[in-house]
Amino acid sequence: MTRDSNRALLSVEGLGISFGGLKAVHDVSFTVQPGEIVSVIGPNGAGKTTLFNMISGIYQPGLGKVRLAGEDVTGIEPHLLAQRGMSRTFQNLQIFQSMTVLENAVTGYHLAERGPVLADLLGLASSRRRARASDEGARKLLARVGLERAAEREAGNLSYGSLKRLEIARALALNPKILLLDEPAAGCNAVETEEIDLLIAEVAASGVAILLVEHDMKMVMRISSHIVVLDHGEKIAEGEPATVSQNPAVIAAYLGAEEPEAVTC
């Protein structure tokens, strides 16, 4: 499949970073189009999360550029990227365990709210309207991820898979153009992984671009429209799942073999 760079929502151009002279990521380029699911895969230590951290503004790249909808957003702080349409989840859950599921979902709206602080302090009508809108929006998001019945439960009492879906719901509160998911199925059982599969596919079908880092290769091969493969910080392959799974460099990187079979695990 030929990549149409003119349609790219996200463009990663020659991105690189070094730590103490060690090249953690070197000269990585790819694009993500609206409604597309692009997965970044690779063995442990390949540089996947470091790449995500550069794209999402946590790390300042040493080389290259990140463009969002054509705008150079390289190194822009995460909250400013969120305002431009980029939202992200993390490997480790960022959930407030002692708050309710609904309260956690509502927190996703706070960044988007731009009402005056004084109005909030005084409890003015404008502040109450925003609070009602956030509550209504959060409930709709919980229904979207299948957690509407758990809205009043304490988040810490949810299953791990439900917490993963809650984190995705909170990220969606910003109404993103692109959603970066860092190992959304990590620690989940087969049923929970399937639920997350379906949710990611539904979000992409709504037009939101998905950039995904995931170790579950069955999940990656099942839902991805395009795959980027890293090894030792460099891109070694890119393409559709069927093509990538047969690539000798990818197979060798995962299995350390000269003539291995296709990557299907």
Protein backbone atom coordinates (compact mmCIF):
# COMPACT_ATOMS: atom_id res chain seq x y z
CA MET A 1 0.00 0.00 0.00
CA THR A 2 1.37 3.37 -1.02
CA ARG A 3 1.34 5.95 1.73
CA ASP A 4 -0.29 9.28 0.82
CA SER A 5 1.73 11.87 2.74
CA ASN A 6 -0.71 14.59 1.68
CA ARG A 7 -3.44 12.95 3.79
CA ALA A 8 -1.27 12.51 6.86
CA LEU A 9 -2.68 13.75 10.14
CA LEU A 10 0.57 12.94 11.94
CA SER A 11 3.96 13.04 10.24
CA VAL A 12 7.08 11.82 12.02
CA GLU A 13 10.13 13.00 10.08
CA GLY A 14 13.62 11.67 10.85
CA LEU A 15 13.02 11.68 14.58
CA GLY A 16 15.95 10.89 16.85
CA ILE A 17 17.24 11.29 20.39
CA SER A 18 20.36 10.28 22.31
CA PHE A 19 20.96 9.76 26.02
CA GLY A 20 24.55 10.04 27.18
CA GLY A 21 25.85 9.44 23.68
CA LEU A 22 23.63 6.39 23.15
CA LYS A 23 21.23 6.70 20.22
CA ALA A 24 17.91 5.60 21.72
CA VAL A 25 15.97 6.43 18.55
CA HIS A 26 17.58 7.27 15.22
CA ASP A 27 16.05 8.66 12.02
CA VAL A 28 12.53 7.26 12.35
CA SER A 29 9.89 8.45 9.88
CA PHE A 30 6.27 7.43 9.20
CA THR A 31 2.79 8.89 8.83
CA VAL A 32 -0.64 8.28 10.32
CA GLN A 33 -3.80 9.12 8.43
CA PRO A 34 -7.27 9.95 9.82
CA GLY A 35 -9.18 6.87 10.94
CA GLU A 36 -6.12 4.65 10.59
CA ILE A 37 -4.66 2.27 13.19
CA VAL A 38 -0.86 2.32 13.02
CA SER A 39 1.06 0.07 15.40
CA VAL A 40 4.66 0.54 16.46
CA ILE A 41 6.21 -2.79 17.43
CA GLY A 42 9.64 -4.16 18.26
CA PRO A 43 11.53 -6.20 20.86
CA ASN A 44 12.05 -4.90 24.39
CA GLY A 45 14.39 -1.91 24.33
CA ALA A 46 13.64 -1.12 20.69
CA GLY A 47 12.77 2.52 21.50
CA LYS A 48 9.00 2.39 21.17
CA THR A 49 8.07 4.31 24.32
CA THR A 50 10.92 6.77 23.76
CA LEU A 51 9.48 7.45 20.31
CA PHE A 52 6.03 7.98 21.86
CA ASN A 53 7.51 10.36 24.41
CA MET A 54 9.02 12.49 21.65
CA ILE A 55 5.83 12.56 19.61
CA SER A 56 3.72 13.49 22.65
CA GLY A 57 6.03 16.26 23.88
CA ILE A 58 7.49 14.56 26.95
CA TYR A 59 10.96 14.41 25.38
CA GLN A 60 12.50 17.09 23.16
CA PRO A 61 13.85 15.33 20.04
CA GLY A 62 17.50 15.83 19.18
CA LEU A 63 16.74 15.42 15.49
CA GLY A 64 13.72 15.53 13.20
CA LYS A 65 10.22 16.97 13.31
CA VAL A 66 6.72 16.06 14.37
CA ARG A 67 3.85 17.55 12.38
CA LEU A 68 0.21 17.43 13.42
CA ALA A 69 -2.26 18.35 10.69
CA GLY A 70 0.62 20.05 8.87
CA GLU A 71 1.75 22.15 11.87
CA ASP A 72 5.23 21.70 13.28
CA VAL A 73 4.60 20.64 16.89
CA THR A 74 8.06 19.27 17.67
CA GLY A 75 8.73 19.41 21.40
CA ILE A 76 5.51 21.25 22.24
CA GLU A 77 4.33 20.51 25.77
CA PRO A 78 1.72 17.74 26.15
CA HIS A 79 -1.11 20.01 27.34
CA LEU A 80 -0.65 22.23 24.29
CA LEU A 81 -0.61 19.18 22.02
CA ALA A 82 -3.85 18.07 23.67
CA GLN A 83 -5.42 21.40 22.75
CA ARG A 84 -4.33 20.77 19.14
CA GLY A 85 -5.94 17.34 19.06
CA MET A 86 -3.40 14.80 20.39
CA SER A 87 -4.29 12.68 23.41
CA ARG A 88 -2.38 9.83 25.01
CA THR A 89 -2.51 6.95 27.48
CA PHE A 90 0.49 5.42 29.28
CA GLN A 91 1.90 1.97 30.03
CA ASN A 92 1.23 2.47 33.73
CA LEU A 93 -2.34 3.36 34.62
CA GLN A 94 -2.89 7.03 35.48
CA ILE A 95 -6.18 6.42 37.26
CA PHE A 96 -7.32 8.04 40.53
CA GLN A 97 -8.11 4.82 42.38
CA SER A 98 -10.08 6.40 45.23
CA MET A 99 -12.30 8.49 42.95
CA THR A 100 -15.40 7.16 41.22
CA VAL A 101 -15.32 6.00 37.63
CA LEU A 102 -17.40 9.04 36.65
CA GLU A 103 -15.10 11.45 38.48
CA ASN A 104 -12.12 9.96 36.65
CA ALA A 105 -13.84 10.44 33.31
CA VAL A 106 -14.76 14.03 34.18
CA THR A 107 -11.12 14.91 34.82
CA GLY A 108 -10.50 14.41 31.11
CA TYR A 109 -12.61 17.49 30.39
CA HIS A 110 -10.69 19.85 32.67
CA LEU A 111 -7.94 20.61 30.15
CA ALA A 112 -10.50 21.55 27.52
CA GLU A 113 -12.35 23.90 29.87
CA ARG A 114 -11.31 27.53 29.54
CA GLY A 115 -13.74 29.23 31.90
CA PRO A 116 -12.47 31.88 34.31
CA VAL A 117 -11.18 30.59 37.63
CA LEU A 118 -13.16 33.24 39.53
CA ALA A 119 -16.42 31.88 38.12
CA ASP A 120 -15.54 28.44 39.46
CA LEU A 121 -14.60 29.80 42.87
CA LEU A 122 -17.86 31.75 43.15
CA GLY A 123 -20.00 28.95 41.74
CA LEU A 124 -21.43 31.17 39.01
CA ALA A 125 -24.00 29.93 36.52
CA SER A 126 -21.39 29.63 33.76
CA SER A 127 -19.30 27.37 35.97
CA ARG A 128 -22.30 25.20 36.85
CA ARG A 129 -23.17 24.85 33.16
CA ARG A 130 -19.65 23.67 32.38
CA ALA A 131 -19.81 21.18 35.24
CA ARG A 132 -23.11 19.77 33.95
CA ALA A 133 -21.73 19.54 30.42
CA SER A 134 -18.64 17.70 31.68
CA ASP A 135 -20.79 15.29 33.67
CA GLU A 136 -23.04 14.58 30.68
CA GLY A 137 -20.08 14.15 28.35
CA ALA A 138 -18.32 11.83 30.79
CA ARG A 139 -21.42 9.63 31.11
CA LYS A 140 -21.65 9.35 27.33
CA LEU A 141 -17.99 8.34 27.16
CA LEU A 142 -18.50 5.72 29.85
CA ALA A 143 -21.36 4.29 27.82
CA ARG A 144 -19.11 4.28 24.76
CA VAL A 145 -16.48 2.16 26.53
CA GLY A 146 -19.02 -0.08 28.28
CA LEU A 147 -18.64 1.32 31.79
CA GLU A 148 -21.89 3.24 32.22
CA ARG A 149 -23.14 0.87 34.93
CA ALA A 150 -19.93 1.37 36.91
CA ALA A 151 -20.13 5.17 36.92
CA GLU A 152 -20.64 5.52 40.69
CA ARG A 153 -18.23 2.76 41.68
CA GLU A 154 -14.81 3.51 43.10
CA ALA A 155 -12.30 3.10 40.28
CA GLY A 156 -9.98 0.99 42.42
CA ASN A 157 -12.62 -1.75 42.51
CA LEU A 158 -12.67 -2.25 38.74
CA SER A 159 -10.95 -5.07 36.88
CA TYR A 160 -7.69 -4.26 35.14
CA GLY A 161 -9.28 -4.38 31.71
CA SER A 162 -12.04 -2.00 32.82
CA LEU A 163 -9.42 0.42 34.14
CA LYS A 164 -7.70 0.34 30.74
CA ARG A 165 -11.00 1.23 29.06
CA LEU A 166 -11.57 3.99 31.62
CA GLU A 167 -8.21 5.50 30.74
CA ILE A 168 -9.13 5.45 27.05
CA ALA A 169 -12.46 7.13 27.90
CA ARG A 170 -10.63 9.91 29.74
CA ALA A 171 -8.29 10.42 26.79
CA LEU A 172 -11.30 10.67 24.47
CA ALA A 173 -12.76 13.48 26.61
CA LEU A 174 -10.42 15.87 24.80
CA ASN A 175 -12.12 14.99 21.50
CA PRO A 176 -8.75 14.12 19.93
CA LYS A 177 -7.88 13.91 16.25
CA ILE A 178 -5.25 11.32 17.11
CA LEU A 179 -5.02 9.01 20.10
CA LEU A 180 -1.69 7.52 21.21
CA LEU A 181 -2.13 4.25 23.11
CA ASP A 182 0.88 2.85 24.96
CA GLU A 183 0.29 -0.88 25.53
CA PRO A 184 -3.49 -0.67 26.06
CA ALA A 185 -3.85 -4.45 26.45
CA ALA A 186 -0.85 -5.03 28.75
CA GLY A 187 -1.86 -7.16 31.71
CA CYS A 188 -5.28 -7.97 30.28
CA ASN A 189 -6.74 -11.43 29.81
CA ALA A 190 -8.09 -12.66 26.47
CA VAL A 191 -11.63 -11.39 27.07
CA GLU A 192 -10.43 -7.96 28.21
CA THR A 193 -8.07 -7.72 25.23
CA GLU A 194 -10.93 -8.46 22.84
CA GLU A 195 -13.03 -5.71 24.47
CA ILE A 196 -10.17 -3.25 23.98
CA ASP A 197 -9.73 -4.45 20.37
CA LEU A 198 -13.35 -3.64 19.63
CA LEU A 199 -13.13 -0.26 21.36
CA ILE A 200 -10.02 0.78 19.42
CA ALA A 201 -11.63 -0.29 16.14
CA GLU A 202 -14.77 1.69 16.98
CA VAL A 203 -12.76 4.83 17.81
CA ALA A 204 -10.82 4.55 14.54
CA ALA A 205 -14.05 4.00 12.60
CA SER A 206 -15.28 7.35 13.97
CA GLY A 207 -12.38 9.05 12.18
CA VAL A 208 -9.87 9.32 15.03
CA ALA A 209 -6.35 8.26 14.07
CA ILE A 210 -4.79 5.66 16.38
CA LEU A 211 -1.06 5.27 17.03
CA LEU A 212 -0.47 2.16 19.08
CA VAL A 213 2.44 0.53 20.93
CA GLU A 214 1.60 -3.03 21.89
CA HIS A 215 3.40 -6.31 22.65
CA ASP A 216 0.38 -8.52 21.98
CA MET A 217 1.20 -9.54 18.40
CA LYS A 218 -2.14 -11.26 17.82
CA MET A 219 -3.89 -8.01 18.67
CA VAL A 220 -1.52 -5.97 16.51
CA MET A 221 -1.98 -8.20 13.48
CA ARG A 222 -5.74 -8.28 13.96
CA ILE A 223 -6.51 -4.55 14.19
CA SER A 224 -3.65 -2.67 12.51
CA SER A 225 -3.91 -1.18 9.04
CA HIS A 226 -0.19 -0.34 9.04
CA ILE A 227 2.78 -1.41 11.19
CA VAL A 228 6.12 0.26 11.91
CA VAL A 229 8.85 -1.99 13.32
CA LEU A 230 11.72 -0.71 15.47
CA ASP A 231 14.86 -2.51 16.57
CA HIS A 232 17.67 -0.86 18.55
CA GLY A 233 16.08 2.53 17.95
CA GLU A 234 15.90 2.26 14.16
CA LYS A 235 13.03 1.50 11.80
CA ILE A 236 13.73 -1.87 10.18
CA ALA A 237 10.41 -2.43 8.41
CA GLU A 238 7.07 -0.83 7.65
CA GLY A 239 3.92 -1.98 5.87
CA GLU A 240 0.68 -3.91 6.09
CA PRO A 241 0.46 -6.67 8.74
CA ALA A 242 0.74 -9.55 6.27
CA THR A 243 3.84 -8.05 4.69
CA VAL A 244 5.55 -7.16 7.97
CA SER A 245 4.92 -10.60 9.47
CA GLN A 246 6.88 -12.20 6.61
CA ASN A 247 9.78 -9.72 6.66
CA PRO A 248 13.07 -11.56 7.42
CA ALA A 249 14.49 -8.59 9.37
CA VAL A 250 11.40 -8.48 11.59
CA ILE A 251 11.45 -12.23 12.17
CA ALA A 252 15.14 -12.15 13.05
CA ALA A 253 14.66 -9.21 15.43
CA TYR A 254 11.93 -11.04 17.34
CA LEU A 255 13.22 -14.59 17.21
CA GLY A 256 16.96 -14.13 16.68
CA ALA A 257 17.02 -16.70 13.89
CA GLU A 258 18.50 -16.80 10.43
CA GLU A 259 15.64 -18.63 8.71
CA PRO A 260 12.65 -18.45 11.06
CA GLU A 261 8.98 -18.77 10.19
CA ALA A 262 6.64 -15.78 10.01
CA VAL A 263 5.87 -13.74 13.12
CA THR A 264 2.41 -14.88 14.18
CA CYS A 265 2.67 -15.00 17.96
